[in-house]
Amino acid sequence: MGIDAVEGSLGLRHDVTAKIKITDRGYARLLHTLESMKAARVTVGVHAAQGNAQHAVASSNSNAAPAAVTLLDVAAWNEFGMGVPERPWLRGWFDQNTTKNQKTIATIAKSILQGRRSIGDGLEAIGARFVGELQQWISDGSHVLPDAASTVRAKGSSVPLIDTGQLRTSITYTVRLTG
């Protein structure tokens, strides 16, 4: 004999209603933030706005490139060794600082997920920090091949990658919050 038969034979029938209260303690916000973070990007380097500018070749440099050379040309030539010794100013910095950069990103991502800062503010902080560190890395000059003695004489400095300073000062970051 099933439950219905027992209930029917005893004449007991109760309608039960229950209210369930769901308390969202930030889960919805967390999911929204995670979804928004997927599309957000920060890029660091020489971007088109700066890279398309004509390179300000120092007049004293006898190795000077033609006037039609852009800053992006000079950046790529040095980064990949195209016609000059390879001096990977971006890849070198990135490779040398991968672990530290990952920790920086993780710390800032945690603060975003905890709601202590916005995604945009977090990416701005990452971009500004990485630009400063990259510019300092270039200024230090000890991480790439040294310039030839003739280049040092021509430009008056032994710091590789720095002649006019245009490459270093043109390193910027951009933040994009949506795909």
Foldseek 3Di string as FASTA:
>chain_A
DDPVVVCVVVVDDDDDDDDDDDDDPCPVVLVVQVVLLVFKDKDKFQDPVQQCAFDPFDPLFPVDDDRNHTNVNVLVCQCPVPVHRHFNLPVLLCVVCVVVLVVLLVVLVVCCSVVVDPPVVSSVVSFVVVLVSSLVSQVVQPRGDWDDPSRCVSQVHGRPPDRPCSRSVSIGMDMDRGD
